[in-house]
Amino acid sequence: MLRLDLMRNLYLFRNYGKDALLLSVLAYNVGPYAILGTSKRPKSRLLRKIERGDRNIYNDYIAFCRWHGKQIPSIKFRRQVEYDLFFVR
């Protein structure tokens, strides 16, 4: 099931080249539309920066560490590890 979900997310982010895996892993945890946006929710700042070619995305990626509006230290640590593993400079 994990592979199927990851493959679906990779398909959604296939046009983002080397950032597709990073976005897919994040989407697996927060939902793809938290990143892509909807008619009621704007596109994430992270995705807008990637689309502009801005590679300074660390703070925007780490910002996805909240649950019910509170920053959760364990989720923040997880995002830091994911970023270090998947970010292609």
PDB file of N, CA and C in Angstrom:
ATOM      1  N   MET A   1       0.823  -1.186   0.000  1.00  0.00           N
ATOM      2  CA  MET A   1       0.000   0.000   0.000  1.00  0.00           C
ATOM      3  C   MET A   1       0.874   1.260   0.000  1.00  0.00           C
ATOM      4  N   LEU A   2       1.958   1.233   0.759  1.00  0.00           N
ATOM      5  CA  LEU A   2       2.871   2.369   0.791  1.00  0.00           C
ATOM      6  C   LEU A   2       3.431   2.651  -0.596  1.00  0.00           C
ATOM      7  N   ARG A   3       3.847   1.608  -1.299  1.00  0.00           N
ATOM      8  CA  ARG A   3       4.394   1.789  -2.645  1.00  0.00           C
ATOM      9  C   ARG A   3       3.358   2.361  -3.596  1.00  0.00           C
ATOM     10  N   LEU A   4       2.136   1.875  -3.504  1.00  0.00           N
ATOM     11  CA  LEU A   4       1.076   2.366  -4.374  1.00  0.00           C
ATOM     12  C   LEU A   4       0.807   3.847  -4.106  1.00  0.00           C
ATOM     13  N   ASP A   5       0.726   4.220  -2.837  1.00  0.00           N
ATOM     14  CA  ASP A   5       0.507   5.628  -2.491  1.00  0.00           C
ATOM     15  C   ASP A   5       1.666   6.493  -2.953  1.00  0.00           C
ATOM     16  N   LEU A   6       2.881   6.028  -2.757  1.00  0.00           N
ATOM     17  CA  LEU A   6       4.052   6.780  -3.193  1.00  0.00           C
ATOM     18  C   LEU A   6       4.059   6.926  -4.715  1.00  0.00           C
ATOM     19  N   MET A   7       3.703   5.883  -5.433  1.00  0.00           N
ATOM     20  CA  MET A   7       3.659   5.951  -6.891  1.00  0.00           C
ATOM     21  C   MET A   7       2.592   6.947  -7.363  1.00  0.00           C
ATOM     22  N   ARG A   8       1.469   6.974  -6.691  1.00  0.00           N
ATOM     23  CA  ARG A   8       0.424   7.957  -7.040  1.00  0.00           C
ATOM     24  C   ARG A   8       0.935   9.377  -6.838  1.00  0.00           C
ATOM     25  N   ASN A   9       1.627   9.592  -5.728  1.00  0.00           N
ATOM     26  CA  ASN A   9       2.165  10.924  -5.464  1.00  0.00           C
ATOM     27  C   ASN A   9       3.267  11.278  -6.463  1.00  0.00           C
ATOM     28  N   LEU A  10       4.104  10.321  -6.793  1.00  0.00           N
ATOM     29  CA  LEU A  10       5.137  10.575  -7.797  1.00  0.00           C
ATOM     30  C   LEU A  10       4.509  10.960  -9.136  1.00  0.00           C
ATOM     31  N   TYR A  11       3.392  10.327  -9.460  1.00  0.00           N
ATOM     32  CA  TYR A  11       2.698  10.676 -10.698  1.00  0.00           C
ATOM     33  C   TYR A  11       2.181  12.115 -10.638  1.00  0.00           C
ATOM     34  N   LEU A  12       1.639  12.524  -9.488  1.00  0.00           N
ATOM     35  CA  LEU A  12       1.134  13.895  -9.339  1.00  0.00           C
ATOM     36  C   LEU A  12       2.246  14.931  -9.491  1.00  0.00           C
ATOM     37  N   PHE A  13       3.428  14.600  -8.999  1.00  0.00           N
ATOM     38  CA  PHE A  13       4.540  15.557  -8.994  1.00  0.00           C
ATOM     39  C   PHE A  13       5.588  15.252 -10.063  1.00  0.00           C
ATOM     40  N   ARG A  14       5.235  14.474 -11.054  1.00  0.00           N
ATOM     41  CA  ARG A  14       6.186  14.039 -12.079  1.00  0.00           C
ATOM     42  C   ARG A  14       6.823  15.195 -12.842  1.00  0.00           C
ATOM     43  N   ASN A  15       6.168  16.326 -12.926  1.00  0.00           N
ATOM     44  CA  ASN A  15       6.694  17.464 -13.686  1.00  0.00           C
ATOM     45  C   ASN A  15       7.703  18.296 -12.897  1.00  0.00           C
ATOM     46  N   TYR A  16       8.002  17.898 -11.670  1.00  0.00           N
ATOM     47  CA  TYR A  16       8.919  18.668 -10.827  1.00  0.00           C
ATOM     48  C   TYR A  16      10.324  18.089 -10.791  1.00  0.00           C
ATOM     49  N   GLY A  17      10.619  17.201 -11.716  1.00  0.00           N
ATOM     50  CA  GLY A  17      11.971  16.675 -11.890  1.00  0.00           C
ATOM     51  C   GLY A  17      12.596  16.136 -10.625  1.00  0.00           C
ATOM     52  N   LYS A  18      13.757  16.683 -10.271  1.00  0.00           N
ATOM     53  CA  LYS A  18      14.515  16.168  -9.139  1.00  0.00           C
ATOM     54  C   LYS A  18      13.831  16.418  -7.804  1.00  0.00           C
ATOM     55  N   ASP A  19      12.815  17.266  -7.759  1.00  0.00           N
ATOM     56  CA  ASP A  19      12.078  17.527  -6.515  1.00  0.00           C
ATOM     57  C   ASP A  19      10.848  16.631  -6.362  1.00  0.00           C
ATOM     58  N   ALA A  20      10.559  15.801  -7.352  1.00  0.00           N
ATOM     59  CA  ALA A  20       9.359  14.970  -7.322  1.00  0.00           C
ATOM     60  C   ALA A  20       9.332  14.027  -6.123  1.00  0.00           C
ATOM     61  N   LEU A  21      10.447  13.414  -5.801  1.00  0.00           N
ATOM     62  CA  LEU A  21      10.490  12.480  -4.679  1.00  0.00           C
ATOM     63  C   LEU A  21      10.298  13.207  -3.348  1.00  0.00           C
ATOM     64  N   LEU A  22      10.957  14.341  -3.190  1.00  0.00           N
ATOM     65  CA  LEU A  22      10.802  15.141  -1.968  1.00  0.00           C
ATOM     66  C   LEU A  22       9.343  15.556  -1.779  1.00  0.00           C
ATOM     67  N   LEU A  23       8.713  16.048  -2.832  1.00  0.00           N
ATOM     68  CA  LEU A  23       7.308  16.461  -2.760  1.00  0.00           C
ATOM     69  C   LEU A  23       6.390  15.266  -2.528  1.00  0.00           C
ATOM     70  N   SER A  24       6.720  14.131  -3.115  1.00  0.00           N
ATOM     71  CA  SER A  24       5.888  12.929  -2.956  1.00  0.00           C
ATOM     72  C   SER A  24       5.918  12.405  -1.534  1.00  0.00           C
ATOM     73  N   VAL A  25       7.087  12.407  -0.920  1.00  0.00           N
ATOM     74  CA  VAL A  25       7.204  11.946   0.466  1.00  0.00           C
ATOM     75  C   VAL A  25       6.428  12.886   1.389  1.00  0.00           C
ATOM     76  N   LEU A  26       6.553  14.171   1.156  1.00  0.00           N
ATOM     77  CA  LEU A  26       5.802  15.138   1.960  1.00  0.00           C
ATOM     78  C   LEU A  26       4.303  14.965   1.750  1.00  0.00           C
ATOM     79  N   ALA A  27       3.895  14.785   0.509  1.00  0.00           N
ATOM     80  CA  ALA A  27       2.470  14.605   0.201  1.00  0.00           C
ATOM     81  C   ALA A  27       1.910  13.341   0.836  1.00  0.00           C
ATOM     82  N   TYR A  28       2.733  12.324   0.954  1.00  0.00           N
ATOM     83  CA  TYR A  28       2.285  11.094   1.609  1.00  0.00           C
ATOM     84  C   TYR A  28       1.880  11.378   3.053  1.00  0.00           C
ATOM     85  N   ASN A  29       2.587  12.302   3.700  1.00  0.00           N
ATOM     86  CA  ASN A  29       2.324  12.611   5.102  1.00  0.00           C
ATOM     87  C   ASN A  29       1.277  13.693   5.311  1.00  0.00           C
ATOM     88  N   VAL A  30       1.249  14.704   4.466  1.00  0.00           N
ATOM     89  CA  VAL A  30       0.340  15.829   4.693  1.00  0.00           C
ATOM     90  C   VAL A  30      -0.821  15.873   3.710  1.00  0.00           C
ATOM     91  N   GLY A  31      -0.773  15.036   2.693  1.00  0.00           N
ATOM     92  CA  GLY A  31      -1.805  15.042   1.666  1.00  0.00           C
ATOM     93  C   GLY A  31      -1.354  15.892   0.485  1.00  0.00           C
ATOM     94  N   PRO A  32      -1.611  15.427  -0.708  1.00  0.00           N
ATOM     95  CA  PRO A  32      -1.119  16.145  -1.886  1.00  0.00           C
ATOM     96  C   PRO A  32      -1.730  17.538  -2.060  1.00  0.00           C
ATOM     97  N   TYR A  33      -2.954  17.718  -1.613  1.00  0.00           N
ATOM     98  CA  TYR A  33      -3.604  19.006  -1.855  1.00  0.00           C
ATOM     99  C   TYR A  33      -3.197  20.061  -0.842  1.00  0.00           C
ATOM    100  N   ALA A  34      -2.495  19.670   0.216  1.00  0.00           N
ATOM    101  CA  ALA A  34      -1.883  20.660   1.104  1.00  0.00           C
ATOM    102  C   ALA A  34      -0.724  21.331   0.377  1.00  0.00           C
ATOM    103  N   ILE A  35      -0.160  20.642  -0.608  1.00  0.00           N
ATOM    104  CA  ILE A  35       0.943  21.177  -1.394  1.00  0.00           C
ATOM    105  C   ILE A  35       0.430  21.792  -2.699  1.00  0.00           C
ATOM    106  N   LEU A  36      -0.405  21.045  -3.403  1.00  0.00           N
ATOM    107  CA  LEU A  36      -0.905  21.496  -4.699  1.00  0.00           C
ATOM    108  C   LEU A  36      -1.966  22.589  -4.599  1.00  0.00           C
ATOM    109  N   GLY A  37      -2.681  22.605  -3.486  1.00  0.00           N
ATOM    110  CA  GLY A  37      -3.767  23.558  -3.327  1.00  0.00           C
ATOM    111  C   GLY A  37      -5.060  23.035  -3.930  1.00  0.00           C
ATOM    112  N   THR A  38      -6.129  23.721  -3.638  1.00  0.00           N
ATOM    113  CA  THR A  38      -7.450  23.393  -4.165  1.00  0.00           C
ATOM    114  C   THR A  38      -8.127  24.710  -4.535  1.00  0.00           C
ATOM    115  N   SER A  39      -9.394  24.629  -4.905  1.00  0.00           N
ATOM    116  CA  SER A  39     -10.118  25.862  -5.217  1.00  0.00           C
ATOM    117  C   SER A  39     -10.294  26.735  -3.977  1.00  0.00           C
ATOM    118  N   LYS A  40     -10.248  26.123  -2.797  1.00  0.00           N
ATOM    119  CA  LYS A  40     -10.420  26.872  -1.549  1.00  0.00           C
ATOM    120  C   LYS A  40      -9.107  27.129  -0.817  1.00  0.00           C
ATOM    121  N   ARG A  41      -8.069  26.493  -1.251  1.00  0.00           N
ATOM    122  CA  ARG A  41      -6.768  26.593  -0.581  1.00  0.00           C
ATOM    123  C   ARG A  41      -5.690  26.901  -1.613  1.00  0.00           C
ATOM    124  N   PRO A  42      -4.860  27.909  -1.363  1.00  0.00           N
ATOM    125  CA  PRO A  42      -3.825  28.243  -2.355  1.00  0.00           C
ATOM    126  C   PRO A  42      -2.710  27.206  -2.394  1.00  0.00           C
ATOM    127  N   LYS A  43      -1.958  27.249  -3.464  1.00  0.00           N
ATOM    128  CA  LYS A  43      -0.781  26.409  -3.619  1.00  0.00           C
ATOM    129  C   LYS A  43       0.194  26.737  -2.492  1.00  0.00           C
ATOM    130  N   SER A  44       0.902  25.747  -1.996  1.00  0.00           N
ATOM    131  CA  SER A  44       1.846  25.982  -0.906  1.00  0.00           C
ATOM    132  C   SER A  44       2.992  26.878  -1.369  1.00  0.00           C
ATOM    133  N   ARG A  45       3.547  27.603  -0.434  1.00  0.00           N
ATOM    134  CA  ARG A  45       4.693  28.468  -0.721  1.00  0.00           C
ATOM    135  C   ARG A  45       5.868  27.617  -1.192  1.00  0.00           C
ATOM    136  N   LEU A  46       6.010  26.429  -0.626  1.00  0.00           N
ATOM    137  CA  LEU A  46       7.072  25.509  -1.038  1.00  0.00           C
ATOM    138  C   LEU A  46       6.982  25.221  -2.531  1.00  0.00           C
ATOM    139  N   LEU A  47       5.811  24.875  -3.006  1.00  0.00           N
ATOM    140  CA  LEU A  47       5.638  24.544  -4.415  1.00  0.00           C
ATOM    141  C   LEU A  47       5.827  25.774  -5.303  1.00  0.00           C
ATOM    142  N   ARG A  48       5.346  26.911  -4.869  1.00  0.00           N
ATOM    143  CA  ARG A  48       5.534  28.137  -5.652  1.00  0.00           C
ATOM    144  C   ARG A  48       7.020  28.467  -5.806  1.00  0.00           C
ATOM    145  N   LYS A  49       7.801  28.275  -4.738  1.00  0.00           N
ATOM    146  CA  LYS A  49       9.243  28.522  -4.824  1.00  0.00           C
ATOM    147  C   LYS A  49       9.914  27.551  -5.793  1.00  0.00           C
ATOM    148  N   ILE A  50       9.551  26.290  -5.706  1.00  0.00           N
ATOM    149  CA  ILE A  50      10.137  25.292  -6.605  1.00  0.00           C
ATOM    150  C   ILE A  50       9.808  25.630  -8.050  1.00  0.00           C
ATOM    151  N   GLU A  51       8.576  26.054  -8.303  1.00  0.00           N
ATOM    152  CA  GLU A  51       8.176  26.413  -9.666  1.00  0.00           C
ATOM    153  C   GLU A  51       8.952  27.629 -10.185  1.00  0.00           C
ATOM    154  N   ARG A  52       9.318  28.542  -9.307  1.00  0.00           N
ATOM    155  CA  ARG A  52      10.109  29.714  -9.698  1.00  0.00           C
ATOM    156  C   ARG A  52      11.591  29.387  -9.873  1.00  0.00           C
ATOM    157  N   GLY A  53      11.997  28.209  -9.410  1.00  0.00           N
ATOM    158  CA  GLY A  53      13.407  27.840  -9.481  1.00  0.00           C
ATOM    159  C   GLY A  53      14.194  28.276  -8.262  1.00  0.00           C
ATOM    160  N   ASP A  54      13.508  28.731  -7.241  1.00  0.00           N
ATOM    161  CA  ASP A  54      14.155  29.158  -5.991  1.00  0.00           C
ATOM    162  C   ASP A  54      14.525  27.912  -5.193  1.00  0.00           C
ATOM    163  N   ARG A  55      15.806  27.720  -4.934  1.00  0.00           N
ATOM    164  CA  ARG A  55      16.261  26.518  -4.236  1.00  0.00           C
ATOM    165  C   ARG A  55      16.353  26.712  -2.725  1.00  0.00           C
ATOM    166  N   ASN A  56      15.994  27.863  -2.223  1.00  0.00           N
ATOM    167  CA  ASN A  56      16.017  28.144  -0.793  1.00  0.00           C
ATOM    168  C   ASN A  56      14.678  27.704  -0.179  1.00  0.00           C
ATOM    169  N   ILE A  57      14.482  26.391  -0.069  1.00  0.00           N
ATOM    170  CA  ILE A  57      13.179  25.857   0.354  1.00  0.00           C
ATOM    171  C   ILE A  57      13.209  25.180   1.719  1.00  0.00           C
ATOM    172  N   TYR A  58      14.350  25.191   2.380  1.00  0.00           N
ATOM    173  CA  TYR A  58      14.469  24.477   3.652  1.00  0.00           C
ATOM    174  C   TYR A  58      13.386  24.903   4.652  1.00  0.00           C
ATOM    175  N   ASN A  59      13.268  26.195   4.919  1.00  0.00           N
ATOM    176  CA  ASN A  59      12.294  26.669   5.916  1.00  0.00           C
ATOM    177  C   ASN A  59      10.855  26.366   5.508  1.00  0.00           C
ATOM    178  N   ASP A  60      10.576  26.422   4.217  1.00  0.00           N
ATOM    179  CA  ASP A  60       9.223  26.120   3.749  1.00  0.00           C
ATOM    180  C   ASP A  60       8.907  24.628   3.892  1.00  0.00           C
ATOM    181  N   TYR A  61       9.906  23.788   3.668  1.00  0.00           N
ATOM    182  CA  TYR A  61       9.698  22.346   3.834  1.00  0.00           C
ATOM    183  C   TYR A  61       9.517  21.996   5.315  1.00  0.00           C
ATOM    184  N   ILE A  62      10.351  22.553   6.157  1.00  0.00           N
ATOM    185  CA  ILE A  62      10.295  22.269   7.592  1.00  0.00           C
ATOM    186  C   ILE A  62       9.004  22.811   8.199  1.00  0.00           C
ATOM    187  N   ALA A  63       8.399  23.804   7.578  1.00  0.00           N
ATOM    188  CA  ALA A  63       7.164  24.400   8.106  1.00  0.00           C
ATOM    189  C   ALA A  63       6.003  23.404   8.143  1.00  0.00           C
ATOM    190  N   PHE A  64       6.117  22.303   7.419  1.00  0.00           N
ATOM    191  CA  PHE A  64       5.076  21.277   7.438  1.00  0.00           C
ATOM    192  C   PHE A  64       5.262  20.358   8.654  1.00  0.00           C
ATOM    193  N   CYS A  65       5.317  20.947   9.830  1.00  0.00           N
ATOM    194  CA  CYS A  65       5.536  20.167  11.058  1.00  0.00           C
ATOM    195  C   CYS A  65       4.478  20.499  12.117  1.00  0.00           C
ATOM    196  N   ARG A  66       3.329  20.930  11.663  1.00  0.00           N
ATOM    197  CA  ARG A  66       2.282  21.327  12.615  1.00  0.00           C
ATOM    198  C   ARG A  66       1.125  20.339  12.596  1.00  0.00           C
ATOM    199  N   TRP A  67       0.521  20.217  13.750  1.00  0.00           N
ATOM    200  CA  TRP A  67      -0.673  19.396  13.897  1.00  0.00           C
ATOM    201  C   TRP A  67      -1.637  20.199  14.751  1.00  0.00           C
ATOM    202  N   HIS A  68      -2.803  20.480  14.216  1.00  0.00           N
ATOM    203  CA  HIS A  68      -3.798  21.329  14.885  1.00  0.00           C
ATOM    204  C   HIS A  68      -3.200  22.668  15.286  1.00  0.00           C
ATOM    205  N   GLY A  69      -2.353  23.209  14.416  1.00  0.00           N
ATOM    206  CA  GLY A  69      -1.772  24.526  14.643  1.00  0.00           C
ATOM    207  C   GLY A  69      -0.567  24.574  15.569  1.00  0.00           C
ATOM    208  N   LYS A  70      -0.200  23.469  16.158  1.00  0.00           N
ATOM    209  CA  LYS A  70       0.948  23.432  17.071  1.00  0.00           C
ATOM    210  C   LYS A  70       2.133  22.758  16.390  1.00  0.00           C
ATOM    211  N   GLN A  71       3.302  23.358  16.608  1.00  0.00           N
ATOM    212  CA  GLN A  71       4.523  22.752  16.080  1.00  0.00           C
ATOM    213  C   GLN A  71       4.881  21.538  16.924  1.00  0.00           C
ATOM    214  N   ILE A  72       5.085  20.412  16.277  1.00  0.00           N
ATOM    215  CA  ILE A  72       5.420  19.158  16.941  1.00  0.00           C
ATOM    216  C   ILE A  72       6.904  18.861  16.690  1.00  0.00           C
ATOM    217  N   PRO A  73       7.724  18.839  17.762  1.00  0.00           N
ATOM    218  CA  PRO A  73       9.169  18.649  17.593  1.00  0.00           C
ATOM    219  C   PRO A  73       9.545  17.364  16.844  1.00  0.00           C
ATOM    220  N   SER A  74       8.840  16.280  17.083  1.00  0.00           N
ATOM    221  CA  SER A  74       9.191  15.021  16.411  1.00  0.00           C
ATOM    222  C   SER A  74       8.904  15.092  14.908  1.00  0.00           C
ATOM    223  N   ILE A  75       7.847  15.799  14.530  1.00  0.00           N
ATOM    224  CA  ILE A  75       7.552  15.956  13.104  1.00  0.00           C
ATOM    225  C   ILE A  75       8.577  16.890  12.467  1.00  0.00           C
ATOM    226  N   LYS A  76       8.979  17.920  13.186  1.00  0.00           N
ATOM    227  CA  LYS A  76       9.991  18.837  12.670  1.00  0.00           C
ATOM    228  C   LYS A  76      11.303  18.094  12.430  1.00  0.00           C
ATOM    229  N   PHE A  77      11.690  17.241  13.374  1.00  0.00           N
ATOM    230  CA  PHE A  77      12.905  16.444  13.213  1.00  0.00           C
ATOM    231  C   PHE A  77      12.776  15.530  11.996  1.00  0.00           C
ATOM    232  N   ARG A  78      11.617  14.930  11.824  1.00  0.00           N
ATOM    233  CA  ARG A  78      11.377  14.043  10.688  1.00  0.00           C
ATOM    234  C   ARG A  78      11.534  14.800   9.374  1.00  0.00           C
ATOM    235  N   ARG A  79      10.973  16.008   9.293  1.00  0.00           N
ATOM    236  CA  ARG A  79      11.096  16.827   8.083  1.00  0.00           C
ATOM    237  C   ARG A  79      12.563  17.181   7.811  1.00  0.00           C
ATOM    238  N   GLN A  80      13.322  17.461   8.866  1.00  0.00           N
ATOM    239  CA  GLN A  80      14.738  17.783   8.689  1.00  0.00           C
ATOM    240  C   GLN A  80      15.489  16.594   8.105  1.00  0.00           C
ATOM    241  N   VAL A  81      15.201  15.403   8.609  1.00  0.00           N
ATOM    242  CA  VAL A  81      15.856  14.191   8.106  1.00  0.00           C
ATOM    243  C   VAL A  81      15.443  13.936   6.656  1.00  0.00           C
ATOM    244  N   GLU A  82      14.146  14.071   6.357  1.00  0.00           N
ATOM    245  CA  GLU A  82      13.677  13.882   4.981  1.00  0.00           C
ATOM    246  C   GLU A  82      14.374  14.858   4.041  1.00  0.00           C
ATOM    247  N   TYR A  83      14.453  16.094   4.449  1.00  0.00           N
ATOM    248  CA  TYR A  83      15.092  17.117   3.615  1.00  0.00           C
ATOM    249  C   TYR A  83      16.548  16.748   3.335  1.00  0.00           C
ATOM    250  N   ASP A  84      17.249  16.344   4.374  1.00  0.00           N
ATOM    251  CA  ASP A  84      18.663  15.977   4.206  1.00  0.00           C
ATOM    252  C   ASP A  84      18.823  14.750   3.313  1.00  0.00           C
ATOM    253  N   LEU A  85      17.886  13.830   3.374  1.00  0.00           N
ATOM    254  CA  LEU A  85      17.972  12.614   2.549  1.00  0.00           C
ATOM    255  C   LEU A  85      17.641  12.857   1.079  1.00  0.00           C
ATOM    256  N   PHE A  86      16.614  13.697   0.825  1.00  0.00           N
ATOM    257  CA  PHE A  86      16.069  13.798  -0.522  1.00  0.00           C
ATOM    258  C   PHE A  86      16.395  15.073  -1.268  1.00  0.00           C
ATOM    259  N   PHE A  87      16.854  16.099  -0.582  1.00  0.00           N
ATOM    260  CA  PHE A  87      17.072  17.369  -1.284  1.00  0.00           C
ATOM    261  C   PHE A  87      18.289  17.264  -2.169  1.00  0.00           C
ATOM    262  N   VAL A  88      18.086  17.559  -3.431  1.00  0.00           N
ATOM    263  CA  VAL A  88      19.173  17.522  -4.405  1.00  0.00           C
ATOM    264  C   VAL A  88      19.602  18.962  -4.653  1.00  0.00           C
ATOM    265  N   ARG A  89      20.805  19.269  -4.311  1.00  0.00           N
ATOM    266  CA  ARG A  89      21.302  20.644  -4.481  1.00  0.00           C
ATOM    267  C   ARG A  89      21.803  20.871  -5.862  1.00  0.00           C
TER     268      ARG A  89
END
